[in-house]
Amino acid sequence: QIAQEAVQAAGKVVRPYFRQLLLHADVKSDESPVTQADRES
């Protein structure tokens, strides 16, 4: 129940960023991308 509450809240954070053309992605040390959506989620 706790995990579902958390994942539901994360979805509300992630959805507004989806298909936003100005969404910036940084590159981490392992060369994988990370966005503000990842961090806020």
PDB file of all heavy atoms in Angstrom:
ATOM      1  N   GLN A   1       0.835  -1.206   0.000  1.00  0.00           N
ATOM      2  CA  GLN A   1       0.000   0.000   0.000  1.00  0.00           C
ATOM      3  C   GLN A   1       0.873   1.261   0.000  1.00  0.00           C
ATOM      4  O   GLN A   1       0.580   2.230  -0.706  1.00  0.00           O
ATOM      5  CB  GLN A   1      -0.919  -0.018   1.224  1.00  0.00           C
ATOM      6  CG  GLN A   1      -2.014   1.021   1.191  1.00  0.00           C
ATOM      7  CD  GLN A   1      -3.019   0.823   2.316  1.00  0.00           C
ATOM      8  OE1 GLN A   1      -2.812   0.030   3.229  1.00  0.00           O
ATOM      9  NE2 GLN A   1      -4.122   1.540   2.260  1.00  0.00           N
ATOM     10  N   ILE A   2       1.945   1.238   0.775  1.00  0.00           N
ATOM     11  CA  ILE A   2       2.866   2.371   0.821  1.00  0.00           C
ATOM     12  C   ILE A   2       3.541   2.561  -0.534  1.00  0.00           C
ATOM     13  O   ILE A   2       3.661   3.683  -1.044  1.00  0.00           O
ATOM     14  CB  ILE A   2       3.914   2.156   1.927  1.00  0.00           C
ATOM     15  CG1 ILE A   2       3.244   2.186   3.304  1.00  0.00           C
ATOM     16  CG2 ILE A   2       5.025   3.197   1.837  1.00  0.00           C
ATOM     17  CD1 ILE A   2       4.114   1.661   4.425  1.00  0.00           C
ATOM     18  N   ALA A   3       3.998   1.448  -1.133  1.00  0.00           N
ATOM     19  CA  ALA A   3       4.665   1.525  -2.433  1.00  0.00           C
ATOM     20  C   ALA A   3       3.723   2.064  -3.501  1.00  0.00           C
ATOM     21  O   ALA A   3       4.132   2.848  -4.378  1.00  0.00           O
ATOM     22  CB  ALA A   3       5.191   0.150  -2.828  1.00  0.00           C
ATOM     23  N   GLN A   4       2.464   1.667  -3.453  1.00  0.00           N
ATOM     24  CA  GLN A   4       1.507   2.163  -4.445  1.00  0.00           C
ATOM     25  C   GLN A   4       1.236   3.655  -4.243  1.00  0.00           C
ATOM     26  O   GLN A   4       1.076   4.398  -5.225  1.00  0.00           O
ATOM     27  CB  GLN A   4       0.208   1.356  -4.359  1.00  0.00           C
ATOM     28  CG  GLN A   4       0.357  -0.074  -4.812  1.00  0.00           C
ATOM     29  CD  GLN A   4      -0.924  -0.620  -5.400  1.00  0.00           C
ATOM     30  OE1 GLN A   4      -1.289  -0.304  -6.535  1.00  0.00           O
ATOM     31  NE2 GLN A   4      -1.621  -1.435  -4.630  1.00  0.00           N
ATOM     32  N   GLU A   5       1.195   4.090  -3.012  1.00  0.00           N
ATOM     33  CA  GLU A   5       1.038   5.529  -2.749  1.00  0.00           C
ATOM     34  C   GLU A   5       2.217   6.302  -3.343  1.00  0.00           C
ATOM     35  O   GLU A   5       2.039   7.362  -3.965  1.00  0.00           O
ATOM     36  CB  GLU A   5       0.958   5.773  -1.242  1.00  0.00           C
ATOM     37  CG  GLU A   5       0.826   7.237  -0.869  1.00  0.00           C
ATOM     38  CD  GLU A   5       0.921   7.482   0.634  1.00  0.00           C
ATOM     39  OE1 GLU A   5       0.883   6.505   1.411  1.00  0.00           O
ATOM     40  OE2 GLU A   5       1.059   8.664   1.039  1.00  0.00           O
ATOM     41  N   ALA A   6       3.414   5.765  -3.169  1.00  0.00           N
ATOM     42  CA  ALA A   6       4.614   6.438  -3.667  1.00  0.00           C
ATOM     43  C   ALA A   6       4.658   6.474  -5.186  1.00  0.00           C
ATOM     44  O   ALA A   6       4.996   7.504  -5.793  1.00  0.00           O
ATOM     45  CB  ALA A   6       5.859   5.749  -3.106  1.00  0.00           C
ATOM     46  N   VAL A   7       4.323   5.359  -5.826  1.00  0.00           N
ATOM     47  CA  VAL A   7       4.386   5.308  -7.289  1.00  0.00           C
ATOM     48  C   VAL A   7       3.291   6.174  -7.906  1.00  0.00           C
ATOM     49  O   VAL A   7       3.473   6.784  -8.978  1.00  0.00           O
ATOM     50  CB  VAL A   7       4.332   3.847  -7.781  1.00  0.00           C
ATOM     51  CG1 VAL A   7       2.911   3.303  -7.866  1.00  0.00           C
ATOM     52  CG2 VAL A   7       5.017   3.697  -9.132  1.00  0.00           C
ATOM     53  N   GLN A   8       2.152   6.286  -7.226  1.00  0.00           N
ATOM     54  CA  GLN A   8       1.071   7.148  -7.706  1.00  0.00           C
ATOM     55  C   GLN A   8       1.508   8.611  -7.664  1.00  0.00           C
ATOM     56  O   GLN A   8       1.268   9.378  -8.605  1.00  0.00           O
ATOM     57  CB  GLN A   8      -0.169   6.935  -6.837  1.00  0.00           C
ATOM     58  CG  GLN A   8      -1.436   7.529  -7.406  1.00  0.00           C
ATOM     59  CD  GLN A   8      -2.018   6.698  -8.544  1.00  0.00           C
ATOM     60  OE1 GLN A   8      -1.608   5.574  -8.765  1.00  0.00           O
ATOM     61  NE2 GLN A   8      -2.953   7.272  -9.268  1.00  0.00           N
ATOM     62  N   ALA A   9       2.170   8.992  -6.587  1.00  0.00           N
ATOM     63  CA  ALA A   9       2.654  10.371  -6.461  1.00  0.00           C
ATOM     64  C   ALA A   9       3.727  10.667  -7.503  1.00  0.00           C
ATOM     65  O   ALA A   9       3.773  11.764  -8.079  1.00  0.00           O
ATOM     66  CB  ALA A   9       3.203  10.596  -5.055  1.00  0.00           C
ATOM     67  N   ALA A  10       4.593   9.681  -7.762  1.00  0.00           N
ATOM     68  CA  ALA A  10       5.646   9.871  -8.769  1.00  0.00           C
ATOM     69  C   ALA A  10       5.053  10.055 -10.160  1.00  0.00           C
ATOM     70  O   ALA A  10       5.545  10.858 -10.959  1.00  0.00           O
ATOM     71  CB  ALA A  10       6.598   8.684  -8.748  1.00  0.00           C
ATOM     72  N   GLY A  11       3.995   9.329 -10.465  1.00  0.00           N
ATOM     73  CA  GLY A  11       3.347   9.475 -11.767  1.00  0.00           C
ATOM     74  C   GLY A  11       2.832  10.881 -11.997  1.00  0.00           C
ATOM     75  O   GLY A  11       2.921  11.420 -13.100  1.00  0.00           O
ATOM     76  N   LYS A  12       2.301  11.502 -10.946  1.00  0.00           N
ATOM     77  CA  LYS A  12       1.813  12.884 -11.059  1.00  0.00           C
ATOM     78  C   LYS A  12       2.959  13.853 -11.352  1.00  0.00           C
ATOM     79  O   LYS A  12       2.761  14.881 -12.010  1.00  0.00           O
ATOM     80  CB  LYS A  12       1.106  13.289  -9.768  1.00  0.00           C
ATOM     81  CG  LYS A  12      -0.204  12.553  -9.541  1.00  0.00           C
ATOM     82  CD  LYS A  12      -0.850  12.977  -8.231  1.00  0.00           C
ATOM     83  CE  LYS A  12      -2.150  12.226  -7.979  1.00  0.00           C
ATOM     84  NZ  LYS A  12      -2.771  12.607  -6.688  1.00  0.00           N
ATOM     85  N   VAL A  13       4.154  13.531 -10.872  1.00  0.00           N
ATOM     86  CA  VAL A  13       5.338  14.356 -11.140  1.00  0.00           C
ATOM     87  C   VAL A  13       5.815  14.166 -12.579  1.00  0.00           C
ATOM     88  O   VAL A  13       6.175  15.124 -13.274  1.00  0.00           O
ATOM     89  CB  VAL A  13       6.470  13.995 -10.154  1.00  0.00           C
ATOM     90  CG1 VAL A  13       7.791  14.598 -10.601  1.00  0.00           C
ATOM     91  CG2 VAL A  13       6.114  14.458  -8.752  1.00  0.00           C
ATOM     92  N   VAL A  14       5.810  12.922 -13.040  1.00  0.00           N
ATOM     93  CA  VAL A  14       6.406  12.581 -14.332  1.00  0.00           C
ATOM     94  C   VAL A  14       5.543  13.026 -15.514  1.00  0.00           C
ATOM     95  O   VAL A  14       6.056  13.528 -16.529  1.00  0.00           O
ATOM     96  CB  VAL A  14       6.670  11.050 -14.396  1.00  0.00           C
ATOM     97  CG1 VAL A  14       7.007  10.608 -15.820  1.00  0.00           C
ATOM     98  CG2 VAL A  14       7.784  10.673 -13.433  1.00  0.00           C
ATOM     99  N   ARG A  15       4.240  12.853 -15.411  1.00  0.00           N
ATOM    100  CA  ARG A  15       3.362  13.082 -16.566  1.00  0.00           C
ATOM    101  C   ARG A  15       3.501  14.471 -17.198  1.00  0.00           C
ATOM    102  O   ARG A  15       3.549  14.582 -18.433  1.00  0.00           O
ATOM    103  CB  ARG A  15       1.899  12.821 -16.181  1.00  0.00           C
ATOM    104  CG  ARG A  15       1.523  11.353 -16.235  1.00  0.00           C
ATOM    105  CD  ARG A  15       0.012  11.147 -16.109  1.00  0.00           C
ATOM    106  NE  ARG A  15      -0.438  11.403 -14.752  1.00  0.00           N
ATOM    107  CZ  ARG A  15      -0.474  10.493 -13.780  1.00  0.00           C
ATOM    108  NH1 ARG A  15      -0.085   9.256 -14.031  1.00  0.00           N
ATOM    109  NH2 ARG A  15      -0.912  10.801 -12.576  1.00  0.00           N
ATOM    110  N   PRO A  16       3.599  15.565 -16.432  1.00  0.00           N
ATOM    111  CA  PRO A  16       3.703  16.881 -17.081  1.00  0.00           C
ATOM    112  C   PRO A  16       4.975  17.068 -17.906  1.00  0.00           C
ATOM    113  O   PRO A  16       5.020  17.943 -18.787  1.00  0.00           O
ATOM    114  CB  PRO A  16       3.680  17.861 -15.896  1.00  0.00           C
ATOM    115  CG  PRO A  16       2.998  17.121 -14.799  1.00  0.00           C
ATOM    116  CD  PRO A  16       3.420  15.698 -14.976  1.00  0.00           C
ATOM    117  N   TYR A  17       6.004  16.278 -17.640  1.00  0.00           N
ATOM    118  CA  TYR A  17       7.258  16.407 -18.389  1.00  0.00           C
ATOM    119  C   TYR A  17       7.257  15.606 -19.700  1.00  0.00           C
ATOM    120  O   TYR A  17       8.122  15.826 -20.560  1.00  0.00           O
ATOM    121  CB  TYR A  17       8.434  15.915 -17.537  1.00  0.00           C
ATOM    122  CG  TYR A  17       8.852  16.857 -16.439  1.00  0.00           C
ATOM    123  CD1 TYR A  17       8.512  16.600 -15.118  1.00  0.00           C
ATOM    124  CD2 TYR A  17       9.604  18.001 -16.705  1.00  0.00           C
ATOM    125  CE1 TYR A  17       8.909  17.455 -14.089  1.00  0.00           C
ATOM    126  CE2 TYR A  17      10.008  18.859 -15.699  1.00  0.00           C
ATOM    127  CZ  TYR A  17       9.657  18.577 -14.389  1.00  0.00           C
ATOM    128  OH  TYR A  17      10.045  19.422 -13.378  1.00  0.00           O
ATOM    129  N   PHE A  18       6.315  14.698 -19.849  1.00  0.00           N
ATOM    130  CA  PHE A  18       6.338  13.801 -21.002  1.00  0.00           C
ATOM    131  C   PHE A  18       6.061  14.569 -22.296  1.00  0.00           C
ATOM    132  O   PHE A  18       5.112  15.337 -22.384  1.00  0.00           O
ATOM    133  CB  PHE A  18       5.305  12.691 -20.822  1.00  0.00           C
ATOM    134  CG  PHE A  18       5.340  11.629 -21.884  1.00  0.00           C
ATOM    135  CD1 PHE A  18       6.466  10.851 -22.067  1.00  0.00           C
ATOM    136  CD2 PHE A  18       4.247  11.405 -22.701  1.00  0.00           C
ATOM    137  CE1 PHE A  18       6.505   9.860 -23.038  1.00  0.00           C
ATOM    138  CE2 PHE A  18       4.264  10.416 -23.676  1.00  0.00           C
ATOM    139  CZ  PHE A  18       5.405   9.646 -23.845  1.00  0.00           C
ATOM    140  N   ARG A  19       6.912  14.374 -23.294  1.00  0.00           N
ATOM    141  CA  ARG A  19       6.848  15.014 -24.608  1.00  0.00           C
ATOM    142  C   ARG A  19       6.950  16.534 -24.550  1.00  0.00           C
ATOM    143  O   ARG A  19       6.423  17.243 -25.426  1.00  0.00           O
ATOM    144  CB  ARG A  19       5.593  14.574 -25.369  1.00  0.00           C
ATOM    145  CG  ARG A  19       5.641  13.088 -25.739  1.00  0.00           C
ATOM    146  CD  ARG A  19       4.475  12.623 -26.561  1.00  0.00           C
ATOM    147  NE  ARG A  19       4.615  11.192 -26.856  1.00  0.00           N
ATOM    148  CZ  ARG A  19       3.639  10.432 -27.330  1.00  0.00           C
ATOM    149  NH1 ARG A  19       2.451  10.946 -27.584  1.00  0.00           N
ATOM    150  NH2 ARG A  19       3.848   9.141 -27.558  1.00  0.00           N
ATOM    151  N   GLN A  20       7.682  17.036 -23.554  1.00  0.00           N
ATOM    152  CA  GLN A  20       7.996  18.456 -23.493  1.00  0.00           C
ATOM    153  C   GLN A  20       9.295  18.703 -24.263  1.00  0.00           C
ATOM    154  O   GLN A  20      10.348  18.180 -23.900  1.00  0.00           O
ATOM    155  CB  GLN A  20       8.139  18.910 -22.045  1.00  0.00           C
ATOM    156  CG  GLN A  20       6.852  18.836 -21.259  1.00  0.00           C
ATOM    157  CD  GLN A  20       5.744  19.679 -21.869  1.00  0.00           C
ATOM    158  OE1 GLN A  20       5.918  20.875 -22.090  1.00  0.00           O
ATOM    159  NE2 GLN A  20       4.612  19.052 -22.157  1.00  0.00           N
ATOM    160  N   LEU A  21       9.214  19.484 -25.326  1.00  0.00           N
ATOM    161  CA  LEU A  21      10.349  19.631 -26.238  1.00  0.00           C
ATOM    162  C   LEU A  21      11.548  20.302 -25.588  1.00  0.00           C
ATOM    163  O   LEU A  21      12.681  20.117 -26.025  1.00  0.00           O
ATOM    164  CB  LEU A  21       9.918  20.417 -27.476  1.00  0.00           C
ATOM    165  CG  LEU A  21       8.837  19.771 -28.340  1.00  0.00           C
ATOM    166  CD1 LEU A  21       8.544  20.640 -29.556  1.00  0.00           C
ATOM    167  CD2 LEU A  21       9.270  18.374 -28.794  1.00  0.00           C
ATOM    168  N   LEU A  22      11.342  21.081 -24.549  1.00  0.00           N
ATOM    169  CA  LEU A  22      12.447  21.789 -23.909  1.00  0.00           C
ATOM    170  C   LEU A  22      13.023  21.023 -22.712  1.00  0.00           C
ATOM    171  O   LEU A  22      13.836  21.559 -21.974  1.00  0.00           O
ATOM    172  CB  LEU A  22      11.993  23.180 -23.456  1.00  0.00           C
ATOM    173  CG  LEU A  22      11.527  24.113 -24.581  1.00  0.00           C
ATOM    174  CD1 LEU A  22      11.084  25.453 -24.016  1.00  0.00           C
ATOM    175  CD2 LEU A  22      12.637  24.311 -25.615  1.00  0.00           C
ATOM    176  N   LEU A  23      12.618  19.774 -22.538  1.00  0.00           N
ATOM    177  CA  LEU A  23      13.118  18.976 -21.424  1.00  0.00           C
ATOM    178  C   LEU A  23      14.606  18.700 -21.613  1.00  0.00           C
ATOM    179  O   LEU A  23      15.028  18.094 -22.600  1.00  0.00           O
ATOM    180  CB  LEU A  23      12.354  17.658 -21.325  1.00  0.00           C
ATOM    181  CG  LEU A  23      12.761  16.718 -20.189  1.00  0.00           C
ATOM    182  CD1 LEU A  23      12.498  17.375 -18.838  1.00  0.00           C
ATOM    183  CD2 LEU A  23      12.011  15.394 -20.304  1.00  0.00           C
ATOM    184  N   HIS A  24      15.407  19.136 -20.660  1.00  0.00           N
ATOM    185  CA  HIS A  24      16.857  18.974 -20.753  1.00  0.00           C
ATOM    186  C   HIS A  24      17.276  17.667 -20.103  1.00  0.00           C
ATOM    187  O   HIS A  24      16.741  17.254 -19.078  1.00  0.00           O
ATOM    188  CB  HIS A  24      17.563  20.130 -20.047  1.00  0.00           C
ATOM    189  CG  HIS A  24      19.049  19.969 -19.970  1.00  0.00           C
ATOM    190  ND1 HIS A  24      19.865  20.117 -21.076  1.00  0.00           N
ATOM    191  CD2 HIS A  24      19.861  19.653 -18.920  1.00  0.00           C
ATOM    192  CE1 HIS A  24      21.118  19.912 -20.704  1.00  0.00           C
ATOM    193  NE2 HIS A  24      21.140  19.620 -19.417  1.00  0.00           N
ATOM    194  N   ALA A  25      18.250  17.007 -20.714  1.00  0.00           N
ATOM    195  CA  ALA A  25      18.806  15.767 -20.164  1.00  0.00           C
ATOM    196  C   ALA A  25      20.298  15.941 -19.923  1.00  0.00           C
ATOM    197  O   ALA A  25      21.051  16.269 -20.849  1.00  0.00           O
ATOM    198  CB  ALA A  25      18.557  14.608 -21.116  1.00  0.00           C
ATOM    199  N   ASP A  26      20.726  15.747 -18.694  1.00  0.00           N
ATOM    200  CA  ASP A  26      22.145  15.703 -18.374  1.00  0.00           C
ATOM    201  C   ASP A  26      22.672  14.295 -18.617  1.00  0.00           C
ATOM    202  O   ASP A  26      21.917  13.315 -18.650  1.00  0.00           O
ATOM    203  CB  ASP A  26      22.371  16.078 -16.902  1.00  0.00           C
ATOM    204  CG  ASP A  26      21.983  17.518 -16.609  1.00  0.00           C
ATOM    205  OD1 ASP A  26      22.310  18.394 -17.439  1.00  0.00           O
ATOM    206  OD2 ASP A  26      21.342  17.760 -15.567  1.00  0.00           O
ATOM    207  N   VAL A  27      23.987  14.195 -18.775  1.00  0.00           N
ATOM    208  CA  VAL A  27      24.618  12.889 -18.972  1.00  0.00           C
ATOM    209  C   VAL A  27      25.405  12.535 -17.716  1.00  0.00           C
ATOM    210  O   VAL A  27      26.269  13.291 -17.279  1.00  0.00           O
ATOM    211  CB  VAL A  27      25.554  12.900 -20.210  1.00  0.00           C
ATOM    212  CG1 VAL A  27      26.225  11.534 -20.379  1.00  0.00           C
ATOM    213  CG2 VAL A  27      24.760  13.257 -21.463  1.00  0.00           C
ATOM    214  N   LYS A  28      25.090  11.383 -17.140  1.00  0.00           N
ATOM    215  CA  LYS A  28      25.754  10.951 -15.915  1.00  0.00           C
ATOM    216  C   LYS A  28      27.107  10.301 -16.229  1.00  0.00           C
ATOM    217  O   LYS A  28      27.476  10.122 -17.398  1.00  0.00           O
ATOM    218  CB  LYS A  28      24.846   9.982 -15.157  1.00  0.00           C
ATOM    219  CG  LYS A  28      23.535  10.622 -14.696  1.00  0.00           C
ATOM    220  CD  LYS A  28      22.760   9.739 -13.754  1.00  0.00           C
ATOM    221  CE  LYS A  28      22.164   8.545 -14.437  1.00  0.00           C
ATOM    222  NZ  LYS A  28      21.243   7.789 -13.564  1.00  0.00           N
ATOM    223  N   SER A  29      27.808   9.926 -15.190  1.00  0.00           N
ATOM    224  CA  SER A  29      29.157   9.364 -15.366  1.00  0.00           C
ATOM    225  C   SER A  29      29.149   8.064 -16.156  1.00  0.00           C
ATOM    226  O   SER A  29      30.132   7.718 -16.816  1.00  0.00           O
ATOM    227  CB  SER A  29      29.814   9.137 -14.004  1.00  0.00           C
ATOM    228  OG  SER A  29      29.035   8.253 -13.212  1.00  0.00           O
ATOM    229  N   ASP A  30      28.033   7.312 -16.095  1.00  0.00           N
ATOM    230  CA  ASP A  30      27.941   6.065 -16.869  1.00  0.00           C
ATOM    231  C   ASP A  30      27.377   6.298 -18.266  1.00  0.00           C
ATOM    232  O   ASP A  30      27.025   5.360 -18.967  1.00  0.00           O
ATOM    233  CB  ASP A  30      27.108   5.027 -16.126  1.00  0.00           C
ATOM    234  CG  ASP A  30      25.652   5.475 -15.933  1.00  0.00           C
ATOM    235  OD1 ASP A  30      25.312   6.611 -16.345  1.00  0.00           O
ATOM    236  OD2 ASP A  30      24.870   4.691 -15.375  1.00  0.00           O
ATOM    237  N   GLU A  31      27.273   7.584 -18.651  1.00  0.00           N
ATOM    238  CA  GLU A  31      26.801   8.015 -19.970  1.00  0.00           C
ATOM    239  C   GLU A  31      25.292   7.839 -20.157  1.00  0.00           C
ATOM    240  O   GLU A  31      24.781   7.989 -21.264  1.00  0.00           O
ATOM    241  CB  GLU A  31      27.571   7.334 -21.105  1.00  0.00           C
ATOM    242  CG  GLU A  31      29.071   7.669 -21.091  1.00  0.00           C
ATOM    243  CD  GLU A  31      29.802   7.124 -22.302  1.00  0.00           C
ATOM    244  OE1 GLU A  31      29.162   6.466 -23.141  1.00  0.00           O
ATOM    245  OE2 GLU A  31      31.009   7.382 -22.410  1.00  0.00           O
ATOM    246  N   SER A  32      24.575   7.527 -19.109  1.00  0.00           N
ATOM    247  CA  SER A  32      23.121   7.444 -19.215  1.00  0.00           C
ATOM    248  C   SER A  32      22.518   8.821 -18.951  1.00  0.00           C
ATOM    249  O   SER A  32      23.075   9.622 -18.201  1.00  0.00           O
ATOM    250  CB  SER A  32      22.566   6.427 -18.225  1.00  0.00           C
ATOM    251  OG  SER A  32      22.796   6.841 -16.892  1.00  0.00           O
ATOM    252  N   PRO A  33      21.367   9.119 -19.566  1.00  0.00           N
ATOM    253  CA  PRO A  33      20.757  10.437 -19.380  1.00  0.00           C
ATOM    254  C   PRO A  33      19.930  10.519 -18.103  1.00  0.00           C
ATOM    255  O   PRO A  33      19.420   9.507 -17.609  1.00  0.00           O
ATOM    256  CB  PRO A  33      19.855  10.570 -20.611  1.00  0.00           C
ATOM    257  CG  PRO A  33      19.459   9.156 -20.926  1.00  0.00           C
ATOM    258  CD  PRO A  33      20.652   8.309 -20.558  1.00  0.00           C
ATOM    259  N   VAL A  34      19.792  11.722 -17.578  1.00  0.00           N
ATOM    260  CA  VAL A  34      18.931  11.961 -16.432  1.00  0.00           C
ATOM    261  C   VAL A  34      18.264  13.316 -16.620  1.00  0.00           C
ATOM    262  O   VAL A  34      18.880  14.264 -17.111  1.00  0.00           O
ATOM    263  CB  VAL A  34      19.718  11.910 -15.101  1.00  0.00           C
ATOM    264  CG1 VAL A  34      20.804  12.970 -15.057  1.00  0.00           C
ATOM    265  CG2 VAL A  34      18.787  12.052 -13.900  1.00  0.00           C
ATOM    266  N   THR A  35      16.992  13.410 -16.258  1.00  0.00           N
ATOM    267  CA  THR A  35      16.233  14.648 -16.430  1.00  0.00           C
ATOM    268  C   THR A  35      15.704  15.135 -15.078  1.00  0.00           C
ATOM    269  O   THR A  35      15.778  14.426 -14.074  1.00  0.00           O
ATOM    270  CB  THR A  35      15.032  14.429 -17.369  1.00  0.00           C
ATOM    271  OG1 THR A  35      14.054  13.613 -16.697  1.00  0.00           O
ATOM    272  CG2 THR A  35      15.446  13.763 -18.669  1.00  0.00           C
ATOM    273  N   GLN A  36      15.130  16.323 -15.091  1.00  0.00           N
ATOM    274  CA  GLN A  36      14.500  16.835 -13.886  1.00  0.00           C
ATOM    275  C   GLN A  36      13.342  15.942 -13.460  1.00  0.00           C
ATOM    276  O   GLN A  36      13.055  15.806 -12.263  1.00  0.00           O
ATOM    277  CB  GLN A  36      14.008  18.265 -14.128  1.00  0.00           C
ATOM    278  CG  GLN A  36      13.487  18.967 -12.884  1.00  0.00           C
ATOM    279  CD  GLN A  36      14.560  19.152 -11.807  1.00  0.00           C
ATOM    280  OE1 GLN A  36      15.754  19.100 -12.088  1.00  0.00           O
ATOM    281  NE2 GLN A  36      14.126  19.373 -10.584  1.00  0.00           N
ATOM    282  N   ALA A  37      12.693  15.312 -14.418  1.00  0.00           N
ATOM    283  CA  ALA A  37      11.601  14.399 -14.094  1.00  0.00           C
ATOM    284  C   ALA A  37      12.106  13.212 -13.281  1.00  0.00           C
ATOM    285  O   ALA A  37      11.451  12.783 -12.318  1.00  0.00           O
ATOM    286  CB  ALA A  37      10.921  13.913 -15.372  1.00  0.00           C
ATOM    287  N   ASP A  38      13.271  12.657 -13.663  1.00  0.00           N
ATOM    288  CA  ASP A  38      13.868  11.559 -12.889  1.00  0.00           C
ATOM    289  C   ASP A  38      14.115  11.998 -11.450  1.00  0.00           C
ATOM    290  O   ASP A  38      13.773  11.289 -10.487  1.00  0.00           O
ATOM    291  CB  ASP A  38      15.217  11.140 -13.503  1.00  0.00           C
ATOM    292  CG  ASP A  38      15.122  10.540 -14.879  1.00  0.00           C
ATOM    293  OD1 ASP A  38      14.962  11.309 -15.848  1.00  0.00           O
ATOM    294  OD2 ASP A  38      15.226   9.319 -15.012  1.00  0.00           O
ATOM    295  N   ARG A  39      14.723  13.164 -11.307  1.00  0.00           N
ATOM    296  CA  ARG A  39      15.117  13.640  -9.970  1.00  0.00           C
ATOM    297  C   ARG A  39      13.887  13.908  -9.093  1.00  0.00           C
ATOM    298  O   ARG A  39      13.837  13.503  -7.931  1.00  0.00           O
ATOM    299  CB  ARG A  39      15.970  14.893 -10.096  1.00  0.00           C
ATOM    300  CG  ARG A  39      17.295  14.675 -10.848  1.00  0.00           C
ATOM    301  CD  ARG A  39      18.145  15.928 -10.809  1.00  0.00           C
ATOM    302  NE  ARG A  39      19.390  15.760 -11.551  1.00  0.00           N
ATOM    303  CZ  ARG A  39      19.621  16.241 -12.758  1.00  0.00           C
ATOM    304  NH1 ARG A  39      18.664  16.939 -13.391  1.00  0.00           N
ATOM    305  NH2 ARG A  39      20.772  16.054 -13.359  1.00  0.00           N
ATOM    306  N   GLU A  40      12.904  14.597  -9.656  1.00  0.00           N
ATOM    307  CA  GLU A  40      11.722  14.917  -8.859  1.00  0.00           C
ATOM    308  C   GLU A  40      10.922  13.661  -8.520  1.00  0.00           C
ATOM    309  O   GLU A  40      10.353  13.551  -7.424  1.00  0.00           O
ATOM    310  CB  GLU A  40      10.850  15.920  -9.612  1.00  0.00           C
ATOM    311  CG  GLU A  40      11.459  17.307  -9.699  1.00  0.00           C
ATOM    312  CD  GLU A  40      10.537  18.311 -10.371  1.00  0.00           C
ATOM    313  OE1 GLU A  40       9.320  18.008 -10.503  1.00  0.00           O
ATOM    314  OE2 GLU A  40      11.021  19.385 -10.772  1.00  0.00           O
ATOM    315  N   SER A  41      10.875  12.731  -9.450  1.00  0.00           N
ATOM    316  CA  SER A  41      10.177  11.481  -9.200  1.00  0.00           C
ATOM    317  C   SER A  41      10.801  10.729  -8.023  1.00  0.00           C
ATOM    318  O   SER A  41      10.092  10.277  -7.112  1.00  0.00           O
ATOM    319  CB  SER A  41      10.212  10.592 -10.457  1.00  0.00           C
ATOM    320  OG  SER A  41       9.634   9.328 -10.210  1.00  0.00           O
TER     321      SER A  41
END
